[in-house]
C-alpha cells in the first residue's frame, strides 16, 4: 500500500507493474509473479516503518568534478567519514590499469570522471 499509483511510467500508469518477480518457467519462458509482500532480509531491504533512517538515507554530493548520489542508510554513522587522498581516473579502465600496475597503495578514494 505504499506504491504511488498516480504516476506515469514507460509502462503506463502507476508503479504496480514494477512490483513483480521474474522467474524462468519449466519450459524456459519468463514468468512474472507478484513480488513478496515482505523483505527476505530486513538488513538489506527494510520496511518503511522500520527504515534505516527517517530521511531515506540518500545523499547528493556536489563538487568541482561533478555530482553523485550515495546511499548512506545502511552505513553506521561512525563509518560515514572517509579521509584519504583522491585518485582521479578518466575511465574504469584507467582504474583497472592502475590496479594491475600495482600503483594503488594505501588508502584512497577512487574518482572516475565522466561516469
PDB file of N, CA and C in Angstrom:
ATOM      1  N   UNK A   1       0.773  -1.198   0.000  1.00  0.00           N
ATOM      2  CA  UNK A   1       0.000   0.000   0.000  1.00  0.00           C
ATOM      3  C   UNK A   1       0.823   1.275   0.000  1.00  0.00           C
ATOM      4  N   UNK A   2       2.118   1.230  -0.293  1.00  0.00           N
ATOM      5  CA  UNK A   2       2.906   2.463  -0.291  1.00  0.00           C
ATOM      6  C   UNK A   2       3.391   2.856  -1.682  1.00  0.00           C
ATOM      7  N   UNK A   3       3.026   2.105  -2.713  1.00  0.00           N
ATOM      8  CA  UNK A   3       3.412   2.475  -4.075  1.00  0.00           C
ATOM      9  C   UNK A   3       2.475   3.554  -4.595  1.00  0.00           C
ATOM     10  N   UNK A   4       3.030   4.568  -5.203  1.00  0.00           N
ATOM     11  CA  UNK A   4       2.212   5.625  -5.784  1.00  0.00           C
ATOM     12  C   UNK A   4       1.661   5.146  -7.121  1.00  0.00           C
ATOM     13  N   UNK A   5       0.351   5.214  -7.238  1.00  0.00           N
ATOM     14  CA  UNK A   5      -0.294   4.805  -8.487  1.00  0.00           C
ATOM     15  C   UNK A   5      -0.630   6.006  -9.369  1.00  0.00           C
ATOM     16  N   UNK A   6      -0.366   7.208  -8.873  1.00  0.00           N
ATOM     17  CA  UNK A   6      -0.707   8.412  -9.631  1.00  0.00           C
ATOM     18  C   UNK A   6       0.496   8.967 -10.392  1.00  0.00           C
ATOM     19  N   UNK A   7       1.305   8.069 -10.947  1.00  0.00           N
ATOM     20  CA  UNK A   7       2.475   8.473 -11.725  1.00  0.00           C
ATOM     21  C   UNK A   7       2.428   7.811 -13.095  1.00  0.00           C
ATOM     22  N   UNK A   8       3.037   8.473 -14.060  1.00  0.00           N
ATOM     23  CA  UNK A   8       3.137   7.899 -15.405  1.00  0.00           C
ATOM     24  C   UNK A   8       4.521   7.291 -15.558  1.00  0.00           C
ATOM     25  N   UNK A   9       4.588   6.105 -16.125  1.00  0.00           N
ATOM     26  CA  UNK A   9       5.859   5.440 -16.376  1.00  0.00           C
ATOM     27  C   UNK A   9       5.889   4.990 -17.830  1.00  0.00           C
ATOM     28  N   UNK A  10       6.983   4.397 -18.248  1.00  0.00           N
ATOM     29  CA  UNK A  10       7.066   3.909 -19.623  1.00  0.00           C
ATOM     30  C   UNK A  10       6.078   2.782 -19.871  1.00  0.00           C
ATOM     31  N   UNK A  11       5.604   2.136 -18.807  1.00  0.00           N
ATOM     32  CA  UNK A  11       4.615   1.062 -18.956  1.00  0.00           C
ATOM     33  C   UNK A  11       3.189   1.556 -18.786  1.00  0.00           C
ATOM     34  N   UNK A  12       3.014   2.848 -18.571  1.00  0.00           N
ATOM     35  CA  UNK A  12       1.671   3.383 -18.391  1.00  0.00           C
ATOM     36  C   UNK A  12       1.507   4.030 -17.034  1.00  0.00           C
ATOM     37  N   UNK A  13       0.330   3.849 -16.446  1.00  0.00           N
ATOM     38  CA  UNK A  13       0.009   4.485 -15.168  1.00  0.00           C
ATOM     39  C   UNK A  13       0.404   3.608 -13.990  1.00  0.00           C
ATOM     40  N   UNK A  14       0.985   4.220 -12.971  1.00  0.00           N
ATOM     41  CA  UNK A  14       1.241   3.542 -11.705  1.00  0.00           C
ATOM     42  C   UNK A  14       2.502   2.698 -11.674  1.00  0.00           C
ATOM     43  N   UNK A  15       2.871   2.320 -10.450  1.00  0.00           N
ATOM     44  CA  UNK A  15       4.079   1.522 -10.234  1.00  0.00           C
ATOM     45  C   UNK A  15       3.794   0.035 -10.046  1.00  0.00           C
ATOM     46  N   UNK A  16       2.527  -0.345  -9.996  1.00  0.00           N
ATOM     47  CA  UNK A  16       2.171  -1.747  -9.764  1.00  0.00           C
ATOM     48  C   UNK A  16       2.839  -2.711 -10.757  1.00  0.00           C
ATOM     49  N   UNK A  17       2.953  -2.389 -12.057  1.00  0.00           N
ATOM     50  CA  UNK A  17       3.596  -3.334 -12.982  1.00  0.00           C
ATOM     51  C   UNK A  17       5.058  -3.637 -12.643  1.00  0.00           C
ATOM     52  N   UNK A  18       5.693  -2.772 -11.849  1.00  0.00           N
ATOM     53  CA  UNK A  18       7.090  -2.993 -11.482  1.00  0.00           C
ATOM     54  C   UNK A  18       7.228  -3.896 -10.262  1.00  0.00           C
ATOM     55  N   UNK A  19       6.137  -4.152  -9.556  1.00  0.00           N
ATOM     56  CA  UNK A  19       6.179  -4.966  -8.336  1.00  0.00           C
ATOM     57  C   UNK A  19       6.003  -6.439  -8.691  1.00  0.00           C
ATOM     58  N   UNK A  20       6.895  -6.947  -9.521  1.00  0.00           N
ATOM     59  CA  UNK A  20       6.840  -8.348  -9.931  1.00  0.00           C
ATOM     60  C   UNK A  20       8.221  -8.973  -9.803  1.00  0.00           C
ATOM     61  N   UNK A  21       8.224 -10.265  -9.751  1.00  0.00           N
ATOM     62  CA  UNK A  21       9.470 -11.028  -9.700  1.00  0.00           C
ATOM     63  C   UNK A  21       9.510 -11.898 -10.951  1.00  0.00           C
ATOM     64  N   UNK A  22      10.531 -11.722 -11.759  1.00  0.00           N
ATOM     65  CA  UNK A  22      10.663 -12.505 -12.989  1.00  0.00           C
ATOM     66  C   UNK A  22      11.418 -13.794 -12.691  1.00  0.00           C
ATOM     67  N   UNK A  23      10.862 -14.906 -13.150  1.00  0.00           N
ATOM     68  CA  UNK A  23      11.485 -16.219 -12.954  1.00  0.00           C
ATOM     69  C   UNK A  23      11.405 -16.992 -14.262  1.00  0.00           C
ATOM     70  N   UNK A  24      12.204 -18.037 -14.363  1.00  0.00           N
ATOM     71  CA  UNK A  24      12.115 -18.918 -15.526  1.00  0.00           C
ATOM     72  C   UNK A  24      11.108 -20.015 -15.247  1.00  0.00           C
ATOM     73  N   UNK A  25      10.197 -20.205 -16.191  1.00  0.00           N
ATOM     74  CA  UNK A  25       9.232 -21.278 -16.072  1.00  0.00           C
ATOM     75  C   UNK A  25       9.861 -22.610 -16.450  1.00  0.00           C
ATOM     76  N   UNK A  26       9.129 -23.688 -16.277  1.00  0.00           N
ATOM     77  CA  UNK A  26       9.628 -25.033 -16.570  1.00  0.00           C
ATOM     78  C   UNK A  26      10.036 -25.176 -18.030  1.00  0.00           C
ATOM     79  N   UNK A  27       9.369 -24.436 -18.918  1.00  0.00           N
ATOM     80  CA  UNK A  27       9.682 -24.520 -20.348  1.00  0.00           C
ATOM     81  C   UNK A  27      10.727 -23.492 -20.786  1.00  0.00           C
ATOM     82  N   UNK A  28      11.305 -22.762 -19.821  1.00  0.00           N
ATOM     83  CA  UNK A  28      12.322 -21.769 -20.141  1.00  0.00           C
ATOM     84  C   UNK A  28      11.777 -20.386 -20.429  1.00  0.00           C
ATOM     85  N   UNK A  29      10.466 -20.238 -20.402  1.00  0.00           N
ATOM     86  CA  UNK A  29       9.877 -18.924 -20.649  1.00  0.00           C
ATOM     87  C   UNK A  29       9.941 -18.074 -19.378  1.00  0.00           C
ATOM     88  N   UNK A  30       9.819 -16.769 -19.560  1.00  0.00           N
ATOM     89  CA  UNK A  30       9.829 -15.854 -18.419  1.00  0.00           C
ATOM     90  C   UNK A  30       8.429 -15.795 -17.822  1.00  0.00           C
ATOM     91  N   UNK A  31       8.358 -16.024 -16.527  1.00  0.00           N
ATOM     92  CA  UNK A  31       7.093 -15.976 -15.799  1.00  0.00           C
ATOM     93  C   UNK A  31       7.192 -14.839 -14.788  1.00  0.00           C
ATOM     94  N   UNK A  32       6.194 -13.974 -14.779  1.00  0.00           N
ATOM     95  CA  UNK A  32       6.179 -12.864 -13.818  1.00  0.00           C
ATOM     96  C   UNK A  32       5.166 -13.173 -12.728  1.00  0.00           C
ATOM     97  N   UNK A  33       5.645 -13.114 -11.480  1.00  0.00           N
ATOM     98  CA  UNK A  33       4.782 -13.361 -10.330  1.00  0.00           C
ATOM     99  C   UNK A  33       4.786 -12.125  -9.450  1.00  0.00           C
ATOM    100  N   UNK A  34       3.746 -11.972  -8.659  1.00  0.00           N
ATOM    101  CA  UNK A  34       3.707 -10.857  -7.715  1.00  0.00           C
ATOM    102  C   UNK A  34       4.907 -10.955  -6.783  1.00  0.00           C
ATOM    103  N   UNK A  35       5.531  -9.820  -6.519  1.00  0.00           N
ATOM    104  CA  UNK A  35       6.694  -9.835  -5.630  1.00  0.00           C
ATOM    105  C   UNK A  35       6.240 -10.100  -4.199  1.00  0.00           C
ATOM    106  N   UNK A  36       7.150 -10.612  -3.372  1.00  0.00           N
ATOM    107  CA  UNK A  36       6.786 -10.903  -1.982  1.00  0.00           C
ATOM    108  C   UNK A  36       6.320  -9.639  -1.260  1.00  0.00           C
ATOM    109  N   UNK A  37       5.401  -9.789  -0.329  1.00  0.00           N
ATOM    110  CA  UNK A  37       4.883  -8.648   0.428  1.00  0.00           C
ATOM    111  C   UNK A  37       5.875  -8.175   1.490  1.00  0.00           C
ATOM    112  N   UNK A  38       6.781  -9.071   1.913  1.00  0.00           N
ATOM    113  CA  UNK A  38       7.746  -8.725   2.958  1.00  0.00           C
ATOM    114  C   UNK A  38       9.161  -8.972   2.450  1.00  0.00           C
ATOM    115  N   UNK A  39      10.095  -8.259   3.015  1.00  0.00           N
ATOM    116  CA  UNK A  39      11.502  -8.408   2.650  1.00  0.00           C
ATOM    117  C   UNK A  39      12.016  -9.770   3.080  1.00  0.00           C
ATOM    118  N   UNK A  40      12.858 -10.355   2.269  1.00  0.00           N
ATOM    119  CA  UNK A  40      13.504 -11.612   2.634  1.00  0.00           C
ATOM    120  C   UNK A  40      14.636 -11.409   3.620  1.00  0.00           C
ATOM    121  N   UNK A  41      15.167 -10.197   3.692  1.00  0.00           N
ATOM    122  CA  UNK A  41      16.256  -9.877   4.616  1.00  0.00           C
ATOM    123  C   UNK A  41      16.155  -8.395   4.971  1.00  0.00           C
ATOM    124  N   UNK A  42      15.617  -8.094   6.145  1.00  0.00           N
ATOM    125  CA  UNK A  42      15.399  -6.704   6.545  1.00  0.00           C
ATOM    126  C   UNK A  42      16.689  -5.946   6.818  1.00  0.00           C
ATOM    127  N   UNK A  43      17.836  -6.634   6.844  1.00  0.00           N
ATOM    128  CA  UNK A  43      19.113  -5.928   6.958  1.00  0.00           C
ATOM    129  C   UNK A  43      19.495  -5.312   5.612  1.00  0.00           C
ATOM    130  N   UNK A  44      18.890  -5.809   4.533  1.00  0.00           N
ATOM    131  CA  UNK A  44      19.156  -5.298   3.188  1.00  0.00           C
ATOM    132  C   UNK A  44      18.029  -4.382   2.728  1.00  0.00           C
ATOM    133  N   UNK A  45      16.792  -4.834   2.882  1.00  0.00           N
ATOM    134  CA  UNK A  45      15.622  -4.068   2.459  1.00  0.00           C
ATOM    135  C   UNK A  45      14.656  -3.991   3.630  1.00  0.00           C
ATOM    136  N   UNK A  46      14.637  -2.842   4.284  1.00  0.00           N
ATOM    137  CA  UNK A  46      13.809  -2.662   5.475  1.00  0.00           C
ATOM    138  C   UNK A  46      12.421  -2.175   5.087  1.00  0.00           C
ATOM    139  N   UNK A  47      11.402  -2.551   5.873  1.00  0.00           N
ATOM    140  CA  UNK A  47      10.069  -1.997   5.623  1.00  0.00           C
ATOM    141  C   UNK A  47      10.056  -0.510   5.983  1.00  0.00           C
ATOM    142  N   UNK A  48       9.135   0.246   5.379  1.00  0.00           N
ATOM    143  CA  UNK A  48       9.153   1.696   5.583  1.00  0.00           C
ATOM    144  C   UNK A  48       8.943   2.085   7.040  1.00  0.00           C
ATOM    145  N   UNK A  49       8.228   1.276   7.817  1.00  0.00           N
ATOM    146  CA  UNK A  49       8.009   1.621   9.222  1.00  0.00           C
ATOM    147  C   UNK A  49       9.195   1.244  10.116  1.00  0.00           C
ATOM    148  N   UNK A  50      10.228   0.618   9.544  1.00  0.00           N
ATOM    149  CA  UNK A  50      11.459   0.297  10.272  1.00  0.00           C
ATOM    150  C   UNK A  50      12.668   0.743   9.442  1.00  0.00           C
ATOM    151  N   UNK A  51      12.541   1.892   8.810  1.00  0.00           N
ATOM    152  CA  UNK A  51      13.589   2.383   7.905  1.00  0.00           C
ATOM    153  C   UNK A  51      14.917   2.548   8.632  1.00  0.00           C
ATOM    154  N   UNK A  52      16.004   2.377   7.897  1.00  0.00           N
ATOM    155  CA  UNK A  52      17.335   2.578   8.462  1.00  0.00           C
ATOM    156  C   UNK A  52      17.481   4.004   8.976  1.00  0.00           C
ATOM    157  N   UNK A  53      16.924   4.961   8.230  1.00  0.00           N
ATOM    158  CA  UNK A  53      16.970   6.375   8.600  1.00  0.00           C
ATOM    159  C   UNK A  53      15.650   7.018   8.206  1.00  0.00           C
ATOM    160  N   UNK A  54      15.202   8.017   8.959  1.00  0.00           N
ATOM    161  CA  UNK A  54      13.929   8.661   8.616  1.00  0.00           C
ATOM    162  C   UNK A  54      13.963   9.425   7.294  1.00  0.00           C
ATOM    163  N   UNK A  55      15.142   9.811   6.822  1.00  0.00           N
ATOM    164  CA  UNK A  55      15.238  10.580   5.578  1.00  0.00           C
ATOM    165  C   UNK A  55      15.424   9.708   4.346  1.00  0.00           C
ATOM    166  N   UNK A  56      15.507   8.413   4.503  1.00  0.00           N
ATOM    167  CA  UNK A  56      15.700   7.530   3.363  1.00  0.00           C
ATOM    168  C   UNK A  56      17.135   7.153   3.110  1.00  0.00           C
ATOM    169  N   UNK A  57      18.071   7.898   3.656  1.00  0.00           N
ATOM    170  CA  UNK A  57      19.471   7.511   3.575  1.00  0.00           C
ATOM    171  C   UNK A  57      20.162   7.757   2.257  1.00  0.00           C
ATOM    172  N   UNK A  58      19.649   8.675   1.443  1.00  0.00           N
ATOM    173  CA  UNK A  58      20.331   9.042   0.201  1.00  0.00           C
ATOM    174  C   UNK A  58      20.891  10.448   0.348  1.00  0.00           C
ATOM    175  N   UNK A  59      22.088  10.659  -0.137  1.00  0.00           N
ATOM    176  CA  UNK A  59      22.722  11.972  -0.082  1.00  0.00           C
ATOM    177  C   UNK A  59      23.221  12.339  -1.473  1.00  0.00           C
ATOM    178  N   UNK A  60      23.130  13.616  -1.799  1.00  0.00           N
ATOM    179  CA  UNK A  60      23.654  14.128  -3.062  1.00  0.00           C
ATOM    180  C   UNK A  60      24.977  14.822  -2.764  1.00  0.00           C
ATOM    181  N   UNK A  61      26.011  14.418  -3.472  1.00  0.00           N
ATOM    182  CA  UNK A  61      27.322  15.046  -3.346  1.00  0.00           C
ATOM    183  C   UNK A  61      27.546  15.934  -4.557  1.00  0.00           C
ATOM    184  N   UNK A  62      28.100  17.109  -4.334  1.00  0.00           N
ATOM    185  CA  UNK A  62      28.419  18.021  -5.433  1.00  0.00           C
ATOM    186  C   UNK A  62      29.820  18.561  -5.227  1.00  0.00           C
ATOM    187  N   UNK A  63      30.539  18.694  -6.312  1.00  0.00           N
ATOM    188  CA  UNK A  63      31.891  19.227  -6.222  1.00  0.00           C
ATOM    189  C   UNK A  63      32.384  19.647  -7.584  1.00  0.00           C
ATOM    190  N   UNK A  64      33.655  20.017  -7.648  1.00  0.00           N
ATOM    191  CA  UNK A  64      34.197  20.513  -8.911  1.00  0.00           C
ATOM    192  C   UNK A  64      34.355  19.413  -9.960  1.00  0.00           C
ATOM    193  N   UNK A  65      34.258  18.150  -9.568  1.00  0.00           N
ATOM    194  CA  UNK A  65      34.341  17.050 -10.541  1.00  0.00           C
ATOM    195  C   UNK A  65      32.969  16.590 -11.025  1.00  0.00           C
ATOM    196  N   UNK A  66      31.908  17.045 -10.361  1.00  0.00           N
ATOM    197  CA  UNK A  66      30.577  16.636 -10.781  1.00  0.00           C
ATOM    198  C   UNK A  66      29.681  16.358  -9.596  1.00  0.00           C
ATOM    199  N   UNK A  67      28.695  15.499  -9.819  1.00  0.00           N
ATOM    200  CA  UNK A  67      27.689  15.190  -8.811  1.00  0.00           C
ATOM    201  C   UNK A  67      27.574  13.677  -8.666  1.00  0.00           C
ATOM    202  N   UNK A  68      27.108  13.248  -7.508  1.00  0.00           N
ATOM    203  CA  UNK A  68      26.890  11.823  -7.268  1.00  0.00           C
ATOM    204  C   UNK A  68      25.782  11.666  -6.243  1.00  0.00           C
ATOM    205  N   UNK A  69      25.110  10.533  -6.285  1.00  0.00           N
ATOM    206  CA  UNK A  69      24.137  10.159  -5.267  1.00  0.00           C
ATOM    207  C   UNK A  69      24.698   8.934  -4.569  1.00  0.00           C
ATOM    208  N   UNK A  70      24.745   8.989  -3.246  1.00  0.00           N
ATOM    209  CA  UNK A  70      25.262   7.853  -2.489  1.00  0.00           C
ATOM    210  C   UNK A  70      24.212   7.385  -1.493  1.00  0.00           C
ATOM    211  N   UNK A  71      24.249   6.106  -1.176  1.00  0.00           N
ATOM    212  CA  UNK A  71      23.338   5.531  -0.188  1.00  0.00           C
ATOM    213  C   UNK A  71      24.088   5.406   1.130  1.00  0.00           C
ATOM    214  N   UNK A  72      23.576   6.074   2.150  1.00  0.00           N
ATOM    215  CA  UNK A  72      24.231   6.043   3.457  1.00  0.00           C
ATOM    216  C   UNK A  72      23.422   5.285   4.499  1.00  0.00           C
ATOM    217  N   UNK A  73      22.203   4.917   4.188  1.00  0.00           N
ATOM    218  CA  UNK A  73      21.286   4.400   5.206  1.00  0.00           C
ATOM    219  C   UNK A  73      21.768   3.142   5.906  1.00  0.00           C
ATOM    220  N   UNK A  74      22.490   2.285   5.239  1.00  0.00           N
ATOM    221  CA  UNK A  74      22.925   1.034   5.856  1.00  0.00           C
ATOM    222  C   UNK A  74      24.330   1.133   6.437  1.00  0.00           C
ATOM    223  N   UNK A  75      24.908   2.328   6.426  1.00  0.00           N
ATOM    224  CA  UNK A  75      26.266   2.525   6.930  1.00  0.00           C
ATOM    225  C   UNK A  75      26.182   3.188   8.303  1.00  0.00           C
ATOM    226  N   UNK A  76      26.865   2.634   9.277  1.00  0.00           N
ATOM    227  CA  UNK A  76      26.862   3.212  10.620  1.00  0.00           C
ATOM    228  C   UNK A  76      27.439   4.625  10.569  1.00  0.00           C
ATOM    229  N   UNK A  77      26.885   5.552  11.371  1.00  0.00           N
ATOM    230  CA  UNK A  77      27.347   6.948  11.329  1.00  0.00           C
ATOM    231  C   UNK A  77      28.857   7.104  11.491  1.00  0.00           C
ATOM    232  N   UNK A  78      29.475   6.308  12.343  1.00  0.00           N
ATOM    233  CA  UNK A  78      30.917   6.446  12.555  1.00  0.00           C
ATOM    234  C   UNK A  78      31.738   5.994  11.347  1.00  0.00           C
ATOM    235  N   UNK A  79      31.101   5.335  10.378  1.00  0.00           N
ATOM    236  CA  UNK A  79      31.803   4.868   9.181  1.00  0.00           C
ATOM    237  C   UNK A  79      31.547   5.771   7.969  1.00  0.00           C
ATOM    238  N   UNK A  80      30.861   6.896   8.153  1.00  0.00           N
ATOM    239  CA  UNK A  80      30.458   7.741   7.027  1.00  0.00           C
ATOM    240  C   UNK A  80      31.469   8.799   6.637  1.00  0.00           C
ATOM    241  N   UNK A  81      32.505   8.972   7.400  1.00  0.00           N
ATOM    242  CA  UNK A  81      33.525   9.955   7.075  1.00  0.00           C
ATOM    243  C   UNK A  81      34.778   9.230   6.610  1.00  0.00           C
ATOM    244  N   UNK A  82      35.226   9.581   5.420  1.00  0.00           N
ATOM    245  CA  UNK A  82      36.436   8.973   4.868  1.00  0.00           C
ATOM    246  C   UNK A  82      37.421  10.100   4.594  1.00  0.00           C
ATOM    247  N   UNK A  83      38.586   9.994   5.174  1.00  0.00           N
ATOM    248  CA  UNK A  83      39.640  10.967   4.914  1.00  0.00           C
ATOM    249  C   UNK A  83      40.799  10.232   4.269  1.00  0.00           C
ATOM    250  N   UNK A  84      40.954  10.451   2.981  1.00  0.00           N
ATOM    251  CA  UNK A  84      42.014   9.803   2.208  1.00  0.00           C
ATOM    252  C   UNK A  84      42.229  10.625   0.946  1.00  0.00           C
ATOM    253  N   UNK A  85      43.408  10.535   0.370  1.00  0.00           N
ATOM    254  CA  UNK A  85      43.638  11.272  -0.876  1.00  0.00           C
ATOM    255  C   UNK A  85      42.786  10.706  -2.015  1.00  0.00           C
ATOM    256  N   UNK A  86      42.381  11.583  -2.916  1.00  0.00           N
ATOM    257  CA  UNK A  86      41.615  11.159  -4.087  1.00  0.00           C
ATOM    258  C   UNK A  86      42.570  10.805  -5.217  1.00  0.00           C
ATOM    259  N   UNK A  87      42.268   9.720  -5.904  1.00  0.00           N
ATOM    260  CA  UNK A  87      42.981   9.360  -7.133  1.00  0.00           C
ATOM    261  C   UNK A  87      41.941   9.440  -8.244  1.00  0.00           C
ATOM    262  N   UNK A  88      42.199  10.289  -9.220  1.00  0.00           N
ATOM    263  CA  UNK A  88      41.219  10.580 -10.262  1.00  0.00           C
ATOM    264  C   UNK A  88      41.591   9.849 -11.542  1.00  0.00           C
ATOM    265  N   UNK A  89      40.607   9.168 -12.123  1.00  0.00           N
ATOM    266  CA  UNK A  89      40.784   8.420 -13.372  1.00  0.00           C
ATOM    267  C   UNK A  89      39.732   8.887 -14.362  1.00  0.00           C
ATOM    268  N   UNK A  90      40.070   8.844 -15.638  1.00  0.00           N
ATOM    269  CA  UNK A  90      39.127   9.247 -16.676  1.00  0.00           C
ATOM    270  C   UNK A  90      38.186   8.127 -17.088  1.00  0.00           C
ATOM    271  N   UNK A  91      38.468   6.893 -16.645  1.00  0.00           N
ATOM    272  CA  UNK A  91      37.624   5.758 -17.025  1.00  0.00           C
ATOM    273  C   UNK A  91      37.820   4.619 -16.029  1.00  0.00           C
ATOM    274  N   UNK A  92      36.916   3.669 -16.065  1.00  0.00           N
ATOM    275  CA  UNK A  92      37.065   2.469 -15.243  1.00  0.00           C
ATOM    276  C   UNK A  92      38.301   1.690 -15.673  1.00  0.00           C
ATOM    277  N   UNK A  93      38.592   1.725 -16.957  1.00  0.00           N
ATOM    278  CA  UNK A  93      39.778   1.031 -17.455  1.00  0.00           C
ATOM    279  C   UNK A  93      41.046   1.636 -16.865  1.00  0.00           C
ATOM    280  N   UNK A  94      41.078   2.956 -16.708  1.00  0.00           N
ATOM    281  CA  UNK A  94      42.227   3.609 -16.096  1.00  0.00           C
ATOM    282  C   UNK A  94      42.450   3.144 -14.669  1.00  0.00           C
ATOM    283  N   UNK A  95      41.369   2.997 -13.916  1.00  0.00           N
ATOM    284  CA  UNK A  95      41.466   2.471 -12.549  1.00  0.00           C
ATOM    285  C   UNK A  95      41.958   1.031 -12.574  1.00  0.00           C
ATOM    286  N   UNK A  96      41.427   0.237 -13.476  1.00  0.00           N
ATOM    287  CA  UNK A  96      41.836  -1.164 -13.602  1.00  0.00           C
ATOM    288  C   UNK A  96      43.317  -1.268 -13.971  1.00  0.00           C
ATOM    289  N   UNK A  97      43.768  -0.423 -14.880  1.00  0.00           N
ATOM    290  CA  UNK A  97      45.181  -0.428 -15.278  1.00  0.00           C
ATOM    291  C   UNK A  97      46.086  -0.087 -14.097  1.00  0.00           C
ATOM    292  N   UNK A  98      45.684   0.908 -13.297  1.00  0.00           N
ATOM    293  CA  UNK A  98      46.479   1.290 -12.124  1.00  0.00           C
ATOM    294  C   UNK A  98      46.529   0.149 -11.113  1.00  0.00           C
ATOM    295  N   UNK A  99      45.418  -0.551 -10.954  1.00  0.00           N
ATOM    296  CA  UNK A  99      45.385  -1.700 -10.042  1.00  0.00           C
ATOM    297  C   UNK A  99      46.349  -2.785 -10.517  1.00  0.00           C
ATOM    298  N   UNK A 100      46.271  -3.110 -11.814  1.00  0.00           N
ATOM    299  CA  UNK A 100      47.141  -4.158 -12.363  1.00  0.00           C
ATOM    300  C   UNK A 100      48.613  -3.768 -12.299  1.00  0.00           C
ATOM    301  N   UNK A 101      48.899  -2.467 -12.396  1.00  0.00           N
ATOM    302  CA  UNK A 101      50.286  -1.995 -12.340  1.00  0.00           C
ATOM    303  C   UNK A 101      50.809  -1.922 -10.906  1.00  0.00           C
ATOM    304  N   UNK A 102      49.928  -2.122  -9.933  1.00  0.00           N
ATOM    305  CA  UNK A 102      50.351  -2.101  -8.535  1.00  0.00           C
ATOM    306  C   UNK A 102      50.588  -0.712  -7.975  1.00  0.00           C
ATOM    307  N   UNK A 103      50.027   0.311  -8.613  1.00  0.00           N
ATOM    308  CA  UNK A 103      50.259   1.684  -8.148  1.00  0.00           C
ATOM    309  C   UNK A 103      49.224   2.161  -7.129  1.00  0.00           C
ATOM    310  N   UNK A 104      48.247   1.333  -6.823  1.00  0.00           N
ATOM    311  CA  UNK A 104      47.220   1.719  -5.850  1.00  0.00           C
ATOM    312  C   UNK A 104      47.624   1.204  -4.477  1.00  0.00           C
ATOM    313  N   UNK A 105      48.402   1.984  -3.775  1.00  0.00           N
ATOM    314  CA  UNK A 105      48.864   1.583  -2.452  1.00  0.00           C
ATOM    315  C   UNK A 105      48.273   2.522  -1.408  1.00  0.00           C
ATOM    316  N   UNK A 106      48.022   2.018  -0.239  1.00  0.00           N
ATOM    317  CA  UNK A 106      47.468   2.830   0.839  1.00  0.00           C
ATOM    318  C   UNK A 106      45.995   3.127   0.625  1.00  0.00           C
ATOM    319  N   UNK A 107      45.446   3.907   1.542  1.00  0.00           N
ATOM    320  CA  UNK A 107      44.044   4.297   1.444  1.00  0.00           C
ATOM    321  C   UNK A 107      43.881   5.383   0.392  1.00  0.00           C
ATOM    322  N   UNK A 108      42.771   5.344  -0.332  1.00  0.00           N
ATOM    323  CA  UNK A 108      42.460   6.387  -1.304  1.00  0.00           C
ATOM    324  C   UNK A 108      40.986   6.317  -1.647  1.00  0.00           C
ATOM    325  N   UNK A 109      40.488   7.391  -2.211  1.00  0.00           N
ATOM    326  CA  UNK A 109      39.134   7.440  -2.740  1.00  0.00           C
ATOM    327  C   UNK A 109      39.267   7.478  -4.252  1.00  0.00           C
ATOM    328  N   UNK A 110      38.701   6.494  -4.938  1.00  0.00           N
ATOM    329  CA  UNK A 110      38.766   6.453  -6.402  1.00  0.00           C
ATOM    330  C   UNK A 110      37.661   7.338  -6.974  1.00  0.00           C
ATOM    331  N   UNK A 111      38.037   8.246  -7.841  1.00  0.00           N
ATOM    332  CA  UNK A 111      37.098   9.115  -8.542  1.00  0.00           C
ATOM    333  C   UNK A 111      37.231   8.795 -10.020  1.00  0.00           C
ATOM    334  N   UNK A 112      36.135   8.354 -10.621  1.00  0.00           N
ATOM    335  CA  UNK A 112      36.150   8.035 -12.048  1.00  0.00           C
ATOM    336  C   UNK A 112      35.308   9.086 -12.754  1.00  0.00           C
ATOM    337  N   UNK A 113      35.957   9.943 -13.501  1.00  0.00           N
ATOM    338  CA  UNK A 113      35.274  11.028 -14.196  1.00  0.00           C
ATOM    339  C   UNK A 113      34.445  10.488 -15.359  1.00  0.00           C
ATOM    340  N   UNK A 114      33.527  11.320 -15.807  1.00  0.00           N
ATOM    341  CA  UNK A 114      32.702  11.038 -16.998  1.00  0.00           C
ATOM    342  C   UNK A 114      31.761   9.856 -16.800  1.00  0.00           C
ATOM    343  N   UNK A 115      31.432   9.503 -15.589  1.00  0.00           N
ATOM    344  CA  UNK A 115      30.511   8.394 -15.332  1.00  0.00           C
ATOM    345  C   UNK A 115      29.131   8.929 -15.053  1.00  0.00           C
TER     346      UNK A 115
END
